[in-house]
N, C-alpha and C. Protein backbone atom coordinates (compact mmCIF):
# COMPACT_ATOMS: atom_id res chain seq x y z
N UNK A 1 -19.33 -4.46 10.28
CA UNK A 1 -18.13 -5.13 9.83
C UNK A 1 -16.93 -4.25 10.10
N UNK A 2 -15.99 -4.78 10.80
CA UNK A 2 -14.77 -4.04 11.11
C UNK A 2 -13.69 -4.37 10.07
N UNK A 3 -12.99 -3.36 9.56
CA UNK A 3 -11.90 -3.63 8.62
C UNK A 3 -10.69 -4.21 9.35
N UNK A 4 -9.90 -4.99 8.62
CA UNK A 4 -8.69 -5.58 9.20
C UNK A 4 -7.62 -5.70 8.12
N UNK A 5 -6.36 -5.64 8.54
CA UNK A 5 -5.26 -5.90 7.63
C UNK A 5 -5.14 -7.39 7.41
N UNK A 6 -4.84 -7.78 6.18
CA UNK A 6 -4.59 -9.19 5.86
C UNK A 6 -3.31 -9.26 5.03
N UNK A 7 -2.70 -10.43 5.00
CA UNK A 7 -1.51 -10.64 4.18
C UNK A 7 -1.64 -11.98 3.47
N UNK A 8 -0.93 -12.10 2.37
CA UNK A 8 -0.97 -13.32 1.59
C UNK A 8 -0.05 -14.39 2.16
N UNK A 9 -0.12 -15.54 1.58
CA UNK A 9 0.73 -16.66 1.96
C UNK A 9 2.18 -16.28 1.67
N UNK A 10 3.09 -16.38 2.64
CA UNK A 10 4.48 -15.99 2.42
C UNK A 10 5.21 -16.84 1.39
N UNK A 11 4.60 -17.96 0.99
CA UNK A 11 5.22 -18.77 -0.06
C UNK A 11 5.05 -18.13 -1.43
N UNK A 12 4.15 -17.15 -1.55
CA UNK A 12 3.94 -16.43 -2.81
C UNK A 12 4.89 -15.24 -2.79
N UNK A 13 6.00 -15.36 -3.50
CA UNK A 13 7.06 -14.37 -3.45
C UNK A 13 6.57 -12.95 -3.74
N UNK A 14 5.69 -12.79 -4.71
CA UNK A 14 5.23 -11.45 -5.09
C UNK A 14 4.40 -10.77 -4.00
N UNK A 15 3.88 -11.54 -3.05
CA UNK A 15 3.05 -10.97 -2.00
C UNK A 15 3.79 -10.70 -0.69
N UNK A 16 5.04 -11.16 -0.59
CA UNK A 16 5.78 -10.99 0.67
C UNK A 16 5.95 -9.51 1.00
N UNK A 17 5.67 -9.18 2.25
CA UNK A 17 5.84 -7.81 2.71
C UNK A 17 4.68 -6.88 2.37
N UNK A 18 3.67 -7.39 1.69
CA UNK A 18 2.53 -6.55 1.29
C UNK A 18 1.33 -6.90 2.16
N UNK A 19 0.49 -5.90 2.38
CA UNK A 19 -0.77 -6.11 3.10
C UNK A 19 -1.90 -5.50 2.30
N UNK A 20 -3.09 -5.95 2.58
CA UNK A 20 -4.32 -5.37 2.02
C UNK A 20 -5.27 -5.19 3.19
N UNK A 21 -6.40 -4.59 2.92
CA UNK A 21 -7.40 -4.38 3.96
C UNK A 21 -8.67 -5.11 3.55
N UNK A 22 -9.23 -5.88 4.48
CA UNK A 22 -10.48 -6.59 4.22
C UNK A 22 -11.56 -6.03 5.14
N UNK A 23 -12.72 -5.80 4.56
CA UNK A 23 -13.90 -5.42 5.34
C UNK A 23 -15.04 -6.26 4.80
N UNK A 24 -15.45 -7.25 5.55
CA UNK A 24 -16.45 -8.19 5.05
C UNK A 24 -15.89 -8.93 3.85
N UNK A 25 -16.66 -9.05 2.77
CA UNK A 25 -16.18 -9.78 1.60
C UNK A 25 -15.32 -8.93 0.66
N UNK A 26 -15.14 -7.65 0.97
CA UNK A 26 -14.40 -6.76 0.08
C UNK A 26 -12.94 -6.61 0.49
N UNK A 27 -12.07 -6.52 -0.50
CA UNK A 27 -10.65 -6.29 -0.29
C UNK A 27 -10.33 -4.89 -0.80
N UNK A 28 -9.72 -4.08 0.05
CA UNK A 28 -9.34 -2.72 -0.31
C UNK A 28 -7.83 -2.69 -0.55
N UNK A 29 -7.41 -1.84 -1.45
CA UNK A 29 -5.98 -1.68 -1.70
C UNK A 29 -5.71 -0.26 -2.20
N UNK A 30 -4.46 0.13 -2.17
CA UNK A 30 -4.06 1.41 -2.77
C UNK A 30 -3.99 1.23 -4.27
N UNK A 31 -4.38 2.25 -5.00
CA UNK A 31 -4.29 2.22 -6.46
C UNK A 31 -3.61 3.49 -6.93
N UNK A 32 -2.78 3.36 -7.95
CA UNK A 32 -2.03 4.50 -8.46
C UNK A 32 -2.92 5.67 -8.90
N UNK A 33 -4.06 5.46 -9.59
CA UNK A 33 -4.88 6.61 -10.01
C UNK A 33 -5.37 7.46 -8.84
N UNK A 34 -5.54 6.87 -7.68
CA UNK A 34 -6.01 7.61 -6.51
C UNK A 34 -4.88 8.21 -5.69
N UNK A 35 -3.64 7.86 -6.02
CA UNK A 35 -2.48 8.28 -5.23
C UNK A 35 -1.35 8.73 -6.15
N UNK A 36 -1.64 9.63 -7.06
CA UNK A 36 -0.68 10.05 -8.07
C UNK A 36 0.56 10.75 -7.50
N UNK A 37 0.45 11.29 -6.30
CA UNK A 37 1.56 12.07 -5.74
C UNK A 37 2.68 11.18 -5.17
N UNK A 38 2.44 9.88 -5.03
CA UNK A 38 3.46 8.99 -4.45
C UNK A 38 3.62 7.73 -5.29
N UNK A 39 4.80 7.14 -5.20
CA UNK A 39 5.04 5.83 -5.83
C UNK A 39 4.55 4.77 -4.84
N UNK A 40 3.63 3.92 -5.25
CA UNK A 40 3.04 2.96 -4.33
C UNK A 40 4.06 2.00 -3.72
N UNK A 41 5.16 1.72 -4.43
CA UNK A 41 6.20 0.86 -3.88
C UNK A 41 6.83 1.47 -2.63
N UNK A 42 6.74 2.81 -2.49
CA UNK A 42 7.37 3.50 -1.36
C UNK A 42 6.45 3.65 -0.16
N UNK A 43 5.16 3.41 -0.30
CA UNK A 43 4.21 3.62 0.79
C UNK A 43 4.38 2.53 1.85
N UNK A 44 4.40 2.96 3.10
CA UNK A 44 4.52 2.02 4.22
C UNK A 44 3.36 2.26 5.19
N UNK A 45 2.78 1.18 5.71
CA UNK A 45 1.73 1.27 6.72
C UNK A 45 2.08 0.32 7.86
N UNK A 46 1.59 0.63 9.03
CA UNK A 46 1.77 -0.23 10.20
C UNK A 46 0.51 -1.07 10.32
N UNK A 47 0.60 -2.39 10.06
CA UNK A 47 -0.60 -3.22 10.14
C UNK A 47 -1.12 -3.42 11.56
N UNK A 48 -0.43 -2.88 12.55
CA UNK A 48 -0.92 -2.97 13.91
C UNK A 48 -1.83 -1.81 14.30
N UNK A 49 -1.98 -0.84 13.42
CA UNK A 49 -2.80 0.33 13.73
C UNK A 49 -4.29 0.04 13.62
N UNK A 50 -5.07 0.89 14.23
CA UNK A 50 -6.54 0.80 14.15
C UNK A 50 -7.00 1.42 12.83
N UNK A 51 -7.83 0.72 12.09
CA UNK A 51 -8.39 1.24 10.84
C UNK A 51 -9.70 1.95 11.13
N UNK A 52 -10.03 2.94 10.30
CA UNK A 52 -11.28 3.68 10.45
C UNK A 52 -12.10 3.51 9.18
N UNK A 53 -13.38 3.21 9.33
CA UNK A 53 -14.26 3.12 8.17
C UNK A 53 -15.43 4.08 8.36
N UNK A 54 -15.90 4.62 7.25
CA UNK A 54 -17.06 5.51 7.29
C UNK A 54 -17.78 5.43 5.94
N UNK A 55 -19.08 5.66 5.99
CA UNK A 55 -19.87 5.63 4.76
C UNK A 55 -19.90 7.03 4.17
N UNK A 56 -19.62 7.14 2.88
CA UNK A 56 -19.60 8.43 2.19
C UNK A 56 -20.68 8.43 1.11
N UNK A 57 -21.72 9.22 1.30
CA UNK A 57 -22.81 9.31 0.33
C UNK A 57 -22.42 10.13 -0.89
N UNK A 58 -21.35 10.92 -0.78
CA UNK A 58 -20.92 11.78 -1.89
C UNK A 58 -20.04 11.06 -2.90
N UNK A 59 -19.68 9.82 -2.67
CA UNK A 59 -18.82 9.06 -3.58
C UNK A 59 -19.60 7.93 -4.25
N UNK A 60 -19.65 7.94 -5.56
CA UNK A 60 -20.25 6.84 -6.33
C UNK A 60 -21.62 6.42 -5.81
N UNK A 61 -22.46 7.37 -5.50
CA UNK A 61 -23.81 7.11 -4.97
C UNK A 61 -23.79 6.39 -3.63
N UNK A 62 -22.70 6.52 -2.91
CA UNK A 62 -22.58 5.95 -1.57
C UNK A 62 -21.68 4.74 -1.53
N UNK A 63 -20.62 4.82 -0.72
CA UNK A 63 -19.74 3.68 -0.50
C UNK A 63 -19.01 3.85 0.81
N UNK A 64 -18.46 2.77 1.31
CA UNK A 64 -17.71 2.80 2.56
C UNK A 64 -16.23 2.95 2.24
N UNK A 65 -15.60 3.92 2.88
CA UNK A 65 -14.16 4.11 2.72
C UNK A 65 -13.48 3.64 4.01
N UNK A 66 -12.28 3.14 3.86
CA UNK A 66 -11.48 2.70 4.99
C UNK A 66 -10.22 3.55 4.99
N UNK A 67 -9.86 4.07 6.15
CA UNK A 67 -8.70 4.94 6.25
C UNK A 67 -7.66 4.34 7.19
N UNK A 68 -6.39 4.53 6.80
CA UNK A 68 -5.26 4.11 7.62
C UNK A 68 -4.17 5.16 7.44
N UNK A 69 -3.33 5.31 8.44
CA UNK A 69 -2.19 6.21 8.31
C UNK A 69 -1.06 5.48 7.63
N UNK A 70 -0.39 6.18 6.74
CA UNK A 70 0.76 5.62 6.05
C UNK A 70 1.87 6.64 5.98
N UNK A 71 3.00 6.23 5.46
CA UNK A 71 4.14 7.13 5.34
C UNK A 71 4.91 6.80 4.07
N UNK A 72 5.58 7.81 3.56
CA UNK A 72 6.47 7.65 2.41
C UNK A 72 7.83 8.17 2.85
N UNK A 73 8.90 7.38 2.71
CA UNK A 73 10.22 7.85 3.15
C UNK A 73 10.62 9.14 2.45
N UNK A 74 11.41 9.95 3.15
CA UNK A 74 11.94 11.18 2.55
C UNK A 74 12.77 10.81 1.33
N UNK A 75 12.90 11.72 0.40
CA UNK A 75 13.59 11.48 -0.88
C UNK A 75 14.94 10.78 -0.69
N UNK A 76 15.74 11.22 0.27
CA UNK A 76 17.07 10.64 0.47
C UNK A 76 17.05 9.26 1.09
N UNK A 77 15.93 8.84 1.65
CA UNK A 77 15.85 7.55 2.33
C UNK A 77 15.15 6.47 1.51
N UNK A 78 14.84 6.77 0.27
CA UNK A 78 14.15 5.79 -0.57
C UNK A 78 15.13 4.76 -1.09
N UNK A 79 14.63 3.54 -1.31
CA UNK A 79 15.48 2.53 -1.93
C UNK A 79 15.83 2.94 -3.36
N UNK A 80 16.72 2.20 -3.96
CA UNK A 80 17.11 2.50 -5.33
C UNK A 80 15.90 2.48 -6.25
N UNK A 81 15.97 3.21 -7.37
CA UNK A 81 14.84 3.22 -8.31
C UNK A 81 14.57 1.82 -8.86
N UNK A 82 13.33 1.59 -9.27
CA UNK A 82 12.95 0.30 -9.79
C UNK A 82 13.73 -0.05 -11.06
N UNK A 83 13.98 0.94 -11.92
CA UNK A 83 14.75 0.72 -13.15
C UNK A 83 15.86 1.75 -13.23
N UNK A 84 16.98 1.38 -13.83
CA UNK A 84 18.12 2.28 -14.02
C UNK A 84 18.90 1.83 -15.23
N UNK A 85 19.78 2.67 -15.70
CA UNK A 85 20.61 2.33 -16.85
C UNK A 85 21.48 1.14 -16.51
N UNK A 86 21.54 0.15 -17.38
CA UNK A 86 22.34 -1.05 -17.15
C UNK A 86 23.79 -0.67 -16.93
N UNK A 87 24.41 -1.27 -15.93
CA UNK A 87 25.81 -1.01 -15.64
C UNK A 87 26.05 0.23 -14.79
N UNK A 88 24.98 0.93 -14.38
CA UNK A 88 25.16 2.16 -13.60
C UNK A 88 25.38 1.87 -12.11
N UNK A 89 25.21 0.65 -11.71
CA UNK A 89 25.36 0.28 -10.30
C UNK A 89 26.60 -0.59 -10.15
N UNK A 90 27.39 -0.31 -9.14
CA UNK A 90 28.58 -1.12 -8.90
C UNK A 90 28.18 -2.54 -8.53
N UNK A 91 28.84 -3.51 -9.13
CA UNK A 91 28.56 -4.92 -8.86
C UNK A 91 29.58 -5.42 -7.84
N UNK A 92 29.14 -5.99 -6.73
CA UNK A 92 30.09 -6.49 -5.73
C UNK A 92 30.97 -7.59 -6.32
N UNK A 93 32.22 -7.60 -5.90
CA UNK A 93 33.15 -8.63 -6.42
C UNK A 93 33.15 -9.86 -5.58
């Protein structure tokens, strides 16, 4: 089974711009507990890249992991924070 990037229906607003990885009947995704060093909203991947899968006997009595290259923008290039003090942002007139 080869892994592939998939995306949700673009009519579902919460899924727009997001991708997941499918390998057979399983869906893989990034999770915060496994990626504590980055904010998941900032992670970017190229869905055109080749995915790599391998079986790891040292994890949970054996499981298949899927790997992809991703990137996190430099601190100065990140979008605005998810939450901020009300009124701290200029409102366009």
